[in-house]
Amino acid sequence: MNVLLDIIQWFIDNVDTIQQVHDNTVDELIRYCELYVAYRQVREIHQKLSAPDQENVDYSVKDVNNNYKA
């Protein structure tokens, strides 16, 4: 029982430190999420810009006799 009381007392004594660590961790997670969202947006824009124009894509397929089929 003494061990449990010691643990509870340690939490009480260190509540400010625990709160600060929690706040810093949450802040870092928020920054990471914002950075990830920005990365995904830039990547999506880059993919749209680098994708070939759909009207200019040649969809014909060569058959075994080197004749083109549309």
PDB file of N, CA and C in Angstrom:
ATOM      1  N   MET A   1       0.818  -1.194   0.000  1.00  0.00           N
ATOM      2  CA  MET A   1       0.000   0.000   0.000  1.00  0.00           C
ATOM      3  C   MET A   1       0.866   1.264   0.000  1.00  0.00           C
ATOM      4  N   ASN A   2       2.029   1.187   0.646  1.00  0.00           N
ATOM      5  CA  ASN A   2       2.928   2.338   0.684  1.00  0.00           C
ATOM      6  C   ASN A   2       3.426   2.716  -0.700  1.00  0.00           C
ATOM      7  N   VAL A   3       3.647   1.715  -1.536  1.00  0.00           N
ATOM      8  CA  VAL A   3       4.132   1.985  -2.883  1.00  0.00           C
ATOM      9  C   VAL A   3       3.087   2.779  -3.652  1.00  0.00           C
ATOM     10  N   LEU A   4       1.838   2.397  -3.551  1.00  0.00           N
ATOM     11  CA  LEU A   4       0.763   3.104  -4.233  1.00  0.00           C
ATOM     12  C   LEU A   4       0.665   4.542  -3.735  1.00  0.00           C
ATOM     13  N   LEU A   5       0.770   4.736  -2.446  1.00  0.00           N
ATOM     14  CA  LEU A   5       0.725   6.095  -1.898  1.00  0.00           C
ATOM     15  C   LEU A   5       1.926   6.919  -2.352  1.00  0.00           C
ATOM     16  N   ASP A   6       3.090   6.285  -2.461  1.00  0.00           N
ATOM     17  CA  ASP A   6       4.282   6.979  -2.957  1.00  0.00           C
ATOM     18  C   ASP A   6       4.101   7.421  -4.413  1.00  0.00           C
ATOM     19  N   ILE A   7       3.502   6.555  -5.213  1.00  0.00           N
ATOM     20  CA  ILE A   7       3.255   6.884  -6.613  1.00  0.00           C
ATOM     21  C   ILE A   7       2.268   8.042  -6.727  1.00  0.00           C
ATOM     22  N   ILE A   8       1.210   7.987  -5.950  1.00  0.00           N
ATOM     23  CA  ILE A   8       0.219   9.064  -5.959  1.00  0.00           C
ATOM     24  C   ILE A   8       0.865  10.375  -5.519  1.00  0.00           C
ATOM     25  N   GLN A   9       1.681  10.324  -4.495  1.00  0.00           N
ATOM     26  CA  GLN A   9       2.360  11.525  -4.009  1.00  0.00           C
ATOM     27  C   GLN A   9       3.320  12.067  -5.060  1.00  0.00           C
ATOM     28  N   TRP A  10       4.011  11.179  -5.771  1.00  0.00           N
ATOM     29  CA  TRP A  10       4.927  11.622  -6.821  1.00  0.00           C
ATOM     30  C   TRP A  10       4.153  12.365  -7.907  1.00  0.00           C
ATOM     31  N   PHE A  11       2.994  11.826  -8.313  1.00  0.00           N
ATOM     32  CA  PHE A  11       2.163  12.511  -9.305  1.00  0.00           C
ATOM     33  C   PHE A  11       1.717  13.881  -8.802  1.00  0.00           C
ATOM     34  N   ILE A  12       1.329  13.964  -7.564  1.00  0.00           N
ATOM     35  CA  ILE A  12       0.893  15.234  -6.988  1.00  0.00           C
ATOM     36  C   ILE A  12       2.050  16.233  -6.977  1.00  0.00           C
ATOM     37  N   ASP A  13       3.229  15.766  -6.592  1.00  0.00           N
ATOM     38  CA  ASP A  13       4.394  16.645  -6.524  1.00  0.00           C
ATOM     39  C   ASP A  13       4.861  17.107  -7.910  1.00  0.00           C
ATOM     40  N   ASN A  14       4.616  16.315  -8.924  1.00  0.00           N
ATOM     41  CA  ASN A  14       5.134  16.592 -10.258  1.00  0.00           C
ATOM     42  C   ASN A  14       4.045  16.929 -11.279  1.00  0.00           C
ATOM     43  N   VAL A  15       2.892  17.348 -10.799  1.00  0.00           N
ATOM     44  CA  VAL A  15       1.781  17.619 -11.704  1.00  0.00           C
ATOM     45  C   VAL A  15       2.112  18.726 -12.709  1.00  0.00           C
ATOM     46  N   ASP A  16       2.869  19.735 -12.301  1.00  0.00           N
ATOM     47  CA  ASP A  16       3.237  20.818 -13.218  1.00  0.00           C
ATOM     48  C   ASP A  16       4.144  20.306 -14.333  1.00  0.00           C
ATOM     49  N   THR A  17       5.108  19.489 -13.991  1.00  0.00           N
ATOM     50  CA  THR A  17       6.008  18.910 -14.984  1.00  0.00           C
ATOM     51  C   THR A  17       5.246  17.992 -15.936  1.00  0.00           C
ATOM     52  N   ILE A  18       4.375  17.184 -15.386  1.00  0.00           N
ATOM     53  CA  ILE A  18       3.568  16.278 -16.204  1.00  0.00           C
ATOM     54  C   ILE A  18       2.690  17.080 -17.166  1.00  0.00           C
ATOM     55  N   GLN A  19       2.089  18.152 -16.693  1.00  0.00           N
ATOM     56  CA  GLN A  19       1.253  19.000 -17.544  1.00  0.00           C
ATOM     57  C   GLN A  19       2.070  19.642 -18.651  1.00  0.00           C
ATOM     58  N   GLN A  20       3.274  20.096 -18.318  1.00  0.00           N
ATOM     59  CA  GLN A  20       4.143  20.724 -19.317  1.00  0.00           C
ATOM     60  C   GLN A  20       4.554  19.720 -20.390  1.00  0.00           C
ATOM     61  N   VAL A  21       4.908  18.515 -19.987  1.00  0.00           N
ATOM     62  CA  VAL A  21       5.277  17.473 -20.957  1.00  0.00           C
ATOM     63  C   VAL A  21       4.082  17.149 -21.844  1.00  0.00           C
ATOM     64  N   HIS A  22       2.914  17.060 -21.246  1.00  0.00           N
ATOM     65  CA  HIS A  22       1.691  16.791 -22.015  1.00  0.00           C
ATOM     66  C   HIS A  22       1.454  17.896 -23.034  1.00  0.00           C
ATOM     67  N   ASP A  23       1.531  19.150 -22.608  1.00  0.00           N
ATOM     68  CA  ASP A  23       1.293  20.285 -23.502  1.00  0.00           C
ATOM     69  C   ASP A  23       2.303  20.309 -24.647  1.00  0.00           C
ATOM     70  N   ASN A  24       3.571  20.059 -24.331  1.00  0.00           N
ATOM     71  CA  ASN A  24       4.605  20.043 -25.369  1.00  0.00           C
ATOM     72  C   ASN A  24       4.362  18.916 -26.369  1.00  0.00           C
ATOM     73  N   THR A  25       3.958  17.767 -25.875  1.00  0.00           N
ATOM     74  CA  THR A  25       3.691  16.628 -26.749  1.00  0.00           C
ATOM     75  C   THR A  25       2.514  16.922 -27.671  1.00  0.00           C
ATOM     76  N   VAL A  26       1.459  17.486 -27.118  1.00  0.00           N
ATOM     77  CA  VAL A  26       0.292  17.823 -27.933  1.00  0.00           C
ATOM     78  C   VAL A  26       0.657  18.884 -28.973  1.00  0.00           C
ATOM     79  N   ASP A  27       1.438  19.890 -28.580  1.00  0.00           N
ATOM     80  CA  ASP A  27       1.875  20.919 -29.529  1.00  0.00           C
ATOM     81  C   ASP A  27       2.676  20.306 -30.675  1.00  0.00           C
ATOM     82  N   GLU A  28       3.584  19.393 -30.363  1.00  0.00           N
ATOM     83  CA  GLU A  28       4.386  18.749 -31.401  1.00  0.00           C
ATOM     84  C   GLU A  28       3.517  17.891 -32.319  1.00  0.00           C
ATOM     85  N   LEU A  29       2.536  17.205 -31.764  1.00  0.00           N
ATOM     86  CA  LEU A  29       1.634  16.399 -32.590  1.00  0.00           C
ATOM     87  C   LEU A  29       0.804  17.280 -33.524  1.00  0.00           C
ATOM     88  N   ILE A  30       0.358  18.409 -33.019  1.00  0.00           N
ATOM     89  CA  ILE A  30      -0.405  19.346 -33.861  1.00  0.00           C
ATOM     90  C   ILE A  30       0.470  19.862 -34.989  1.00  0.00           C
ATOM     91  N   ARG A  31       1.713  20.251 -34.683  1.00  0.00           N
ATOM     92  CA  ARG A  31       2.628  20.728 -35.722  1.00  0.00           C
ATOM     93  C   ARG A  31       2.886  19.641 -36.760  1.00  0.00           C
ATOM     94  N   TYR A  32       3.076  18.412 -36.297  1.00  0.00           N
ATOM     95  CA  TYR A  32       3.323  17.303 -37.213  1.00  0.00           C
ATOM     96  C   TYR A  32       2.118  17.091 -38.129  1.00  0.00           C
ATOM     97  N   CYS A  33       0.926  17.120 -37.571  1.00  0.00           N
ATOM     98  CA  CYS A  33      -0.288  16.933 -38.378  1.00  0.00           C
ATOM     99  C   CYS A  33      -0.445  18.048 -39.400  1.00  0.00           C
ATOM    100  N   GLU A  34      -0.192  19.285 -38.993  1.00  0.00           N
ATOM    101  CA  GLU A  34      -0.274  20.412 -39.928  1.00  0.00           C
ATOM    102  C   GLU A  34       0.761  20.272 -41.039  1.00  0.00           C
ATOM    103  N   LEU A  35       1.954  19.850 -40.687  1.00  0.00           N
ATOM    104  CA  LEU A  35       3.001  19.646 -41.686  1.00  0.00           C
ATOM    105  C   LEU A  35       2.611  18.526 -42.646  1.00  0.00           C
ATOM    106  N   TYR A  36       2.038  17.454 -42.123  1.00  0.00           N
ATOM    107  CA  TYR A  36       1.614  16.334 -42.963  1.00  0.00           C
ATOM    108  C   TYR A  36       0.506  16.763 -43.923  1.00  0.00           C
ATOM    109  N   VAL A  37      -0.455  17.532 -43.430  1.00  0.00           N
ATOM    110  CA  VAL A  37      -1.548  18.016 -44.283  1.00  0.00           C
ATOM    111  C   VAL A  37      -0.983  18.908 -45.388  1.00  0.00           C
ATOM    112  N   ALA A  38      -0.070  19.793 -45.036  1.00  0.00           N
ATOM    113  CA  ALA A  38       0.539  20.671 -46.044  1.00  0.00           C
ATOM    114  C   ALA A  38       1.313  19.849 -47.067  1.00  0.00           C
ATOM    115  N   TYR A  39       2.050  18.840 -46.616  1.00  0.00           N
ATOM    116  CA  TYR A  39       2.788  17.969 -47.530  1.00  0.00           C
ATOM    117  C   TYR A  39       1.846  17.278 -48.501  1.00  0.00           C
ATOM    118  N   ARG A  40       0.738  16.752 -48.006  1.00  0.00           N
ATOM    119  CA  ARG A  40      -0.225  16.049 -48.865  1.00  0.00           C
ATOM    120  C   ARG A  40      -0.835  17.012 -49.893  1.00  0.00           C
ATOM    121  N   GLN A  41      -1.117  18.245 -49.476  1.00  0.00           N
ATOM    122  CA  GLN A  41      -1.682  19.225 -50.404  1.00  0.00           C
ATOM    123  C   GLN A  41      -0.684  19.566 -51.512  1.00  0.00           C
ATOM    124  N   VAL A  42       0.564  19.783 -51.148  1.00  0.00           N
ATOM    125  CA  VAL A  42       1.590  20.099 -52.142  1.00  0.00           C
ATOM    126  C   VAL A  42       1.787  18.908 -53.072  1.00  0.00           C
ATOM    127  N   ARG A  43       1.808  17.720 -52.522  1.00  0.00           N
ATOM    128  CA  ARG A  43       1.982  16.519 -53.337  1.00  0.00           C
ATOM    129  C   ARG A  43       0.821  16.354 -54.323  1.00  0.00           C
ATOM    130  N   GLU A  44      -0.394  16.616 -53.856  1.00  0.00           N
ATOM    131  CA  GLU A  44      -1.564  16.509 -54.727  1.00  0.00           C
ATOM    132  C   GLU A  44      -1.486  17.526 -55.865  1.00  0.00           C
ATOM    133  N   ILE A  45      -1.092  18.751 -55.557  1.00  0.00           N
ATOM    134  CA  ILE A  45      -0.952  19.785 -56.584  1.00  0.00           C
ATOM    135  C   ILE A  45       0.135  19.379 -57.574  1.00  0.00           C
ATOM    136  N   HIS A  46       1.250  18.872 -57.064  1.00  0.00           N
ATOM    137  CA  HIS A  46       2.355  18.452 -57.931  1.00  0.00           C
ATOM    138  C   HIS A  46       1.916  17.325 -58.863  1.00  0.00           C
ATOM    139  N   GLN A  47       1.153  16.383 -58.339  1.00  0.00           N
ATOM    140  CA  GLN A  47       0.683  15.273 -59.172  1.00  0.00           C
ATOM    141  C   GLN A  47      -0.280  15.767 -60.249  1.00  0.00           C
ATOM    142  N   LYS A  48      -1.132  16.721 -59.912  1.00  0.00           N
ATOM    143  CA  LYS A  48      -2.056  17.264 -60.900  1.00  0.00           C
ATOM    144  C   LYS A  48      -1.298  18.007 -61.995  1.00  0.00           C
ATOM    145  N   LEU A  49      -0.252  18.745 -61.616  1.00  0.00           N
ATOM    146  CA  LEU A  49       0.514  19.508 -62.591  1.00  0.00           C
ATOM    147  C   LEU A  49       1.375  18.607 -63.463  1.00  0.00           C
ATOM    148  N   SER A  50       1.871  17.504 -62.926  1.00  0.00           N
ATOM    149  CA  SER A  50       2.756  16.641 -63.688  1.00  0.00           C
ATOM    150  C   SER A  50       2.006  15.537 -64.425  1.00  0.00           C
ATOM    151  N   ALA A  51       0.713  15.380 -64.195  1.00  0.00           N
ATOM    152  CA  ALA A  51      -0.072  14.373 -64.907  1.00  0.00           C
ATOM    153  C   ALA A  51      -0.217  14.792 -66.364  1.00  0.00           C
ATOM    154  N   PRO A  52      -0.114  13.828 -67.283  1.00  0.00           N
ATOM    155  CA  PRO A  52      -0.262  14.199 -68.701  1.00  0.00           C
ATOM    156  C   PRO A  52      -1.683  14.639 -68.998  1.00  0.00           C
ATOM    157  N   ASP A  53      -1.807  15.506 -69.992  1.00  0.00           N
ATOM    158  CA  ASP A  53      -3.118  15.979 -70.422  1.00  0.00           C
ATOM    159  C   ASP A  53      -3.891  14.792 -70.988  1.00  0.00           C
ATOM    160  N   GLN A  54      -5.056  14.538 -70.466  1.00  0.00           N
ATOM    161  CA  GLN A  54      -5.827  13.363 -70.851  1.00  0.00           C
ATOM    162  C   GLN A  54      -6.204  13.359 -72.329  1.00  0.00           C
ATOM    163  N   GLU A  55      -6.326  14.519 -72.962  1.00  0.00           N
ATOM    164  CA  GLU A  55      -6.694  14.577 -74.366  1.00  0.00           C
ATOM    165  C   GLU A  55      -5.540  14.150 -75.267  1.00  0.00           C
ATOM    166  N   ASN A  56      -4.306  14.273 -74.803  1.00  0.00           N
ATOM    167  CA  ASN A  56      -3.140  13.960 -75.621  1.00  0.00           C
ATOM    168  C   ASN A  56      -2.589  12.559 -75.372  1.00  0.00           C
ATOM    169  N   VAL A  57      -3.224  11.778 -74.546  1.00  0.00           N
ATOM    170  CA  VAL A  57      -2.729  10.448 -74.228  1.00  0.00           C
ATOM    171  C   VAL A  57      -3.114   9.494 -75.347  1.00  0.00           C
ATOM    172  N   ASP A  58      -2.135   8.693 -75.819  1.00  0.00           N
ATOM    173  CA  ASP A  58      -2.381   7.715 -76.875  1.00  0.00           C
ATOM    174  C   ASP A  58      -2.785   6.391 -76.225  1.00  0.00           C
ATOM    175  N   TYR A  59      -4.024   6.005 -76.407  1.00  0.00           N
ATOM    176  CA  TYR A  59      -4.542   4.785 -75.804  1.00  0.00           C
ATOM    177  C   TYR A  59      -4.492   3.597 -76.754  1.00  0.00           C
ATOM    178  N   SER A  60      -3.885   3.758 -77.914  1.00  0.00           N
ATOM    179  CA  SER A  60      -3.836   2.645 -78.857  1.00  0.00           C
ATOM    180  C   SER A  60      -2.902   1.557 -78.341  1.00  0.00           C
ATOM    181  N   VAL A  61      -3.188   0.325 -78.769  1.00  0.00           N
ATOM    182  CA  VAL A  61      -2.421  -0.830 -78.313  1.00  0.00           C
ATOM    183  C   VAL A  61      -1.920  -1.569 -79.543  1.00  0.00           C
ATOM    184  N   LYS A  62      -0.646  -1.945 -79.532  1.00  0.00           N
ATOM    185  CA  LYS A  62      -0.087  -2.715 -80.646  1.00  0.00           C
ATOM    186  C   LYS A  62      -0.498  -4.180 -80.471  1.00  0.00           C
ATOM    187  N   ASP A  63      -0.908  -4.796 -81.577  1.00  0.00           N
ATOM    188  CA  ASP A  63      -1.164  -6.232 -81.516  1.00  0.00           C
ATOM    189  C   ASP A  63       0.112  -6.970 -81.933  1.00  0.00           C
ATOM    190  N   VAL A  64       0.062  -8.275 -82.026  1.00  0.00           N
ATOM    191  CA  VAL A  64       1.269  -9.066 -82.300  1.00  0.00           C
ATOM    192  C   VAL A  64       1.824  -8.822 -83.704  1.00  0.00           C
ATOM    193  N   ASN A  65       1.031  -8.325 -84.627  1.00  0.00           N
ATOM    194  CA  ASN A  65       1.492  -8.069 -85.990  1.00  0.00           C
ATOM    195  C   ASN A  65       1.926  -6.619 -86.196  1.00  0.00           C
ATOM    196  N   ASN A  66       2.160  -5.907 -85.120  1.00  0.00           N
ATOM    197  CA  ASN A  66       2.571  -4.504 -85.146  1.00  0.00           C
ATOM    198  C   ASN A  66       1.529  -3.598 -85.783  1.00  0.00           C
ATOM    199  N   ASN A  67       0.288  -4.015 -85.781  1.00  0.00           N
ATOM    200  CA  ASN A  67      -0.816  -3.177 -86.236  1.00  0.00           C
ATOM    201  C   ASN A  67      -1.434  -2.515 -85.023  1.00  0.00           C
ATOM    202  N   TYR A  68      -1.849  -1.300 -85.184  1.00  0.00           N
ATOM    203  CA  TYR A  68      -2.443  -0.571 -84.065  1.00  0.00           C
ATOM    204  C   TYR A  68      -3.931  -0.803 -84.019  1.00  0.00           C
ATOM    205  N   LYS A  69      -4.429  -0.991 -82.807  1.00  0.00           N
ATOM    206  CA  LYS A  69      -5.871  -1.068 -82.581  1.00  0.00           C
ATOM    207  C   LYS A  69      -6.255   0.106 -81.707  1.00  0.00           C
ATOM    208  N   ALA A  70      -7.333   0.743 -82.019  1.00  0.00           N
ATOM    209  CA  ALA A  70      -7.783   1.883 -81.213  1.00  0.00           C
ATOM    210  C   ALA A  70      -8.651   1.396 -80.086  1.00  0.00           C
TER     211      ALA A  70
END
